Each structure stands twice: as structure tokens, then as C-alpha cells.
Amino acid sequence: MSGETNDRSVLLAGGVIGFGLGGLLDVLLFHLVLRAHHLISGIVPPTTPEGLQLNLVADGLFSLAMVGIAIVGFVPLWRALPLSDRSRALGLLAGAFVTGVGAFNFYDGTIDHYVLGLHHVTQWPPNPDIFDVLWIIGSIVLLAAGVLTIRAER
């Protein structure tokens, strides 16, 4: 197996794992701990017990999907890790992981917040859009940091 093939496997694994864990961290922190929003709070307001229950079920199903995605990401990692240069592989994995987290957050900020209108980062008045913009900017920073880490390791 060539070094480039291993690199691709590690990058794919890190990106997929990062995407899944990024989604899971989003649910844990913003949906459950801070209760800033829920997955479908833009469609079903969580202002009644029934609405909250439906939102929590959607959050739970989303969490399970994100865990599944992260687990799937370990398959190419498992196949790629017998490399002679493990520290380089771990650096690539870290860069790909950060890129995956940034990719999830960018997807969430653009598609879920703006295109589908599922929710915003927060429901705080008067203008939750500023938090969505900051979310997307932070996502771009994560993406850039991940790509720069990958380039440095290559």
C-alpha cells in the first residue's frame, strides 16, 4: 500500500469521524446542555410538552445517526494505521478531524440554519442571525485550520 493511499484513507477516516462527532457535540452542547435550539425547533416550536418531546426525539435520532457516521469513519482508519510513520498519520488524522468538524458546522450553519430554516444557533432576540453568521465564520476557521494542518503534515 502506497503512502498516498494511506494518506487518503487517514484523511477520509478523520473527516468522517470529525463530521459525526461534530454533529454529536452540537447536539450535546447546544441542544441539551445550553438548550439554545433543537434540530427541528424552527418547524416544531418546543414551547409545549408535546413540541419539546418531538424535538428531543429528533435530537436523539440525529445523535444516533452521528454516532453511526463516526463509527463508519473508523473502518478506513483501521485499514490505514499500520504505517511506518505513525506520528505523521496521527497529524493527518488530527487535521482531517478538525476539517470534518468544520465541515459539519459549515453544513449546519448554511443548510440547517439558512436554507432549510430548521433552527438558529440561538433563539435570543432581537436578531439570532448574527450568531448564525459567527457560527459560519467559526466553521470556516476550523476548515482552514484542518487544511493547514494536513498541508503541514504532507
Protein backbone atom coordinates (compact mmCIF):
# COMPACT_ATOMS: atom_id res chain seq x y z
CA MET A 1 0.00 0.00 0.00
CA SER A 2 1.49 3.34 -1.02
CA GLY A 3 1.90 6.34 1.28
CA GLU A 4 -0.59 8.36 -0.77
CA THR A 5 -3.22 5.61 -0.45
CA ASN A 6 -2.67 5.56 3.32
CA ASP A 7 -2.92 9.36 3.42
CA ARG A 8 -6.27 9.25 1.63
CA SER A 9 -7.56 6.56 3.97
CA VAL A 10 -6.50 8.51 7.06
CA LEU A 11 -7.93 11.77 5.67
CA LEU A 12 -11.22 10.07 4.81
CA ALA A 13 -11.40 8.46 8.24
CA GLY A 14 -10.60 11.69 10.10
CA GLY A 15 -13.08 13.70 8.07
CA VAL A 16 -15.91 11.21 8.54
CA ILE A 17 -15.19 10.76 12.25
CA GLY A 18 -14.93 14.55 12.71
CA PHE A 19 -18.23 15.11 10.87
CA GLY A 20 -20.02 12.58 13.07
CA LEU A 21 -18.50 13.79 16.32
CA GLY A 22 -19.04 17.43 15.31
CA GLY A 23 -22.76 16.71 14.94
CA LEU A 24 -22.84 14.83 18.22
CA LEU A 25 -21.03 17.64 20.06
CA ASP A 26 -23.52 20.12 18.57
CA VAL A 27 -26.46 18.15 19.98
CA LEU A 28 -24.84 17.63 23.36
CA LEU A 29 -23.76 21.23 23.90
CA PHE A 30 -26.29 23.41 22.06
CA HIS A 31 -29.39 21.19 22.10
CA LEU A 32 -29.15 19.53 25.51
CA VAL A 33 -26.81 21.49 27.80
CA LEU A 34 -27.42 25.08 26.68
CA ARG A 35 -30.90 24.37 25.26
CA ALA A 36 -30.23 27.10 22.67
CA HIS A 37 -32.11 25.19 19.97
CA HIS A 38 -33.21 21.73 18.87
CA LEU A 39 -32.91 20.03 15.49
CA ILE A 40 -36.45 20.87 14.34
CA SER A 41 -37.23 23.83 16.62
CA GLY A 42 -37.67 26.07 13.57
CA ILE A 43 -40.50 23.81 12.38
CA VAL A 44 -41.96 22.46 15.65
CA PRO A 45 -41.59 25.03 18.46
CA PRO A 46 -40.57 23.34 21.72
CA THR A 47 -42.95 25.59 23.69
CA THR A 48 -45.39 22.81 24.64
CA PRO A 49 -44.59 19.47 26.29
CA GLU A 50 -45.52 17.69 23.05
CA GLY A 51 -43.37 20.02 20.94
CA LEU A 52 -40.41 19.62 23.29
CA GLN A 53 -40.82 15.84 23.28
CA LEU A 54 -40.85 15.72 19.47
CA ASN A 55 -37.76 17.95 19.34
CA LEU A 56 -35.92 15.73 21.82
CA VAL A 57 -36.78 12.60 19.84
CA ALA A 58 -35.45 14.27 16.67
CA ASP A 59 -32.29 15.28 18.58
CA GLY A 60 -31.87 11.69 19.79
CA LEU A 61 -32.30 10.16 16.33
CA PHE A 62 -29.87 12.71 14.92
CA SER A 63 -27.36 11.82 17.66
CA LEU A 64 -27.61 8.13 16.80
CA ALA A 65 -27.01 8.91 13.13
CA MET A 66 -23.93 10.99 14.00
CA VAL A 67 -22.51 8.18 16.17
CA GLY A 68 -23.09 5.78 13.29
CA ILE A 69 -21.25 8.08 10.90
CA ALA A 70 -18.32 8.37 13.32
CA ILE A 71 -18.14 4.58 13.71
CA VAL A 72 -18.14 4.13 9.93
CA GLY A 73 -15.18 6.53 9.81
CA PHE A 74 -13.06 4.14 11.84
CA VAL A 75 -13.10 1.49 9.08
CA PRO A 76 -10.66 3.26 6.72
CA LEU A 77 -8.61 4.34 9.75
CA TRP A 78 -8.27 0.76 10.94
CA ARG A 79 -7.05 -0.26 7.48
CA ALA A 80 -4.62 2.65 7.15
CA LEU A 81 -2.93 2.75 10.56
CA PRO A 82 -0.22 0.11 10.05
CA LEU A 83 2.04 2.85 8.66
CA SER A 84 5.73 3.11 9.38
CA ASP A 85 5.31 6.80 10.24
CA ARG A 86 2.50 6.78 12.80
CA SER A 87 3.10 10.33 14.07
CA ARG A 88 2.59 11.66 10.54
CA ALA A 89 -0.60 9.60 10.23
CA LEU A 90 -1.84 10.99 13.53
CA GLY A 91 -1.09 14.55 12.35
CA LEU A 92 -3.04 13.89 9.16
CA LEU A 93 -5.85 12.37 11.20
CA ALA A 94 -5.97 15.41 13.50
CA GLY A 95 -6.10 17.76 10.52
CA ALA A 96 -8.82 15.70 8.86
CA PHE A 97 -10.76 15.52 12.14
CA VAL A 98 -10.74 19.31 12.53
CA THR A 99 -11.70 19.64 8.86
CA GLY A 100 -14.61 17.24 9.42
CA VAL A 101 -15.86 19.18 12.44
CA GLY A 102 -15.59 22.40 10.45
CA ALA A 103 -17.43 20.76 7.53
CA PHE A 104 -20.30 19.69 9.78
CA ASN A 105 -20.57 23.12 11.37
CA PHE A 106 -20.46 24.81 7.95
CA TYR A 107 -23.16 22.46 6.67
CA ASP A 108 -25.25 23.07 9.80
CA GLY A 109 -24.83 26.84 9.59
CA THR A 110 -25.62 27.16 5.90
CA ILE A 111 -28.12 24.37 5.18
CA ASP A 112 -29.89 23.84 8.52
CA HIS A 113 -29.90 27.50 9.60
CA TYR A 114 -30.44 29.34 6.31
CA VAL A 115 -31.60 27.01 3.52
CA LEU A 116 -33.95 24.72 5.49
CA GLY A 117 -34.64 27.11 8.38
CA LEU A 118 -34.64 24.21 10.87
CA HIS A 119 -33.15 26.27 13.69
CA HIS A 120 -30.70 29.03 14.58
CA VAL A 121 -27.69 28.93 16.90
CA THR A 122 -29.88 30.65 19.47
CA GLN A 123 -33.41 31.96 19.66
CA TRP A 124 -32.33 35.06 21.60
CA PRO A 125 -33.88 38.31 20.39
CA PRO A 126 -33.57 40.65 18.74
CA ASN A 127 -31.52 39.12 15.90
CA PRO A 128 -30.38 35.50 16.05
CA ASP A 129 -28.85 35.83 12.57
CA ILE A 130 -25.65 37.39 13.96
CA PHE A 131 -24.96 34.17 15.87
CA ASP A 132 -25.53 32.14 12.69
CA VAL A 133 -23.01 34.32 10.84
CA LEU A 134 -20.48 33.86 13.66
CA TRP A 135 -21.15 30.11 13.52
CA ILE A 136 -20.31 30.02 9.81
CA ILE A 137 -17.19 32.16 10.32
CA GLY A 138 -16.03 29.79 13.08
CA SER A 139 -16.69 26.86 10.76
CA ILE A 140 -14.53 28.39 8.05
CA VAL A 141 -11.75 28.93 10.62
CA LEU A 142 -11.95 25.25 11.62
CA LEU A 143 -11.90 24.17 7.98
CA ALA A 144 -8.85 26.34 7.29
CA ALA A 145 -7.03 25.09 10.40
CA GLY A 146 -7.69 21.49 9.39
CA VAL A 147 -6.49 22.03 5.82
CA LEU A 148 -3.37 23.86 7.02
CA THR A 149 -2.58 21.02 9.43
CA ILE A 150 -2.96 18.47 6.63
CA ARG A 151 -0.70 20.51 4.34
CA ALA A 152 1.93 20.84 7.07
CA GLU A 153 1.95 17.08 7.61
CA ARG A 154 2.21 16.31 3.90
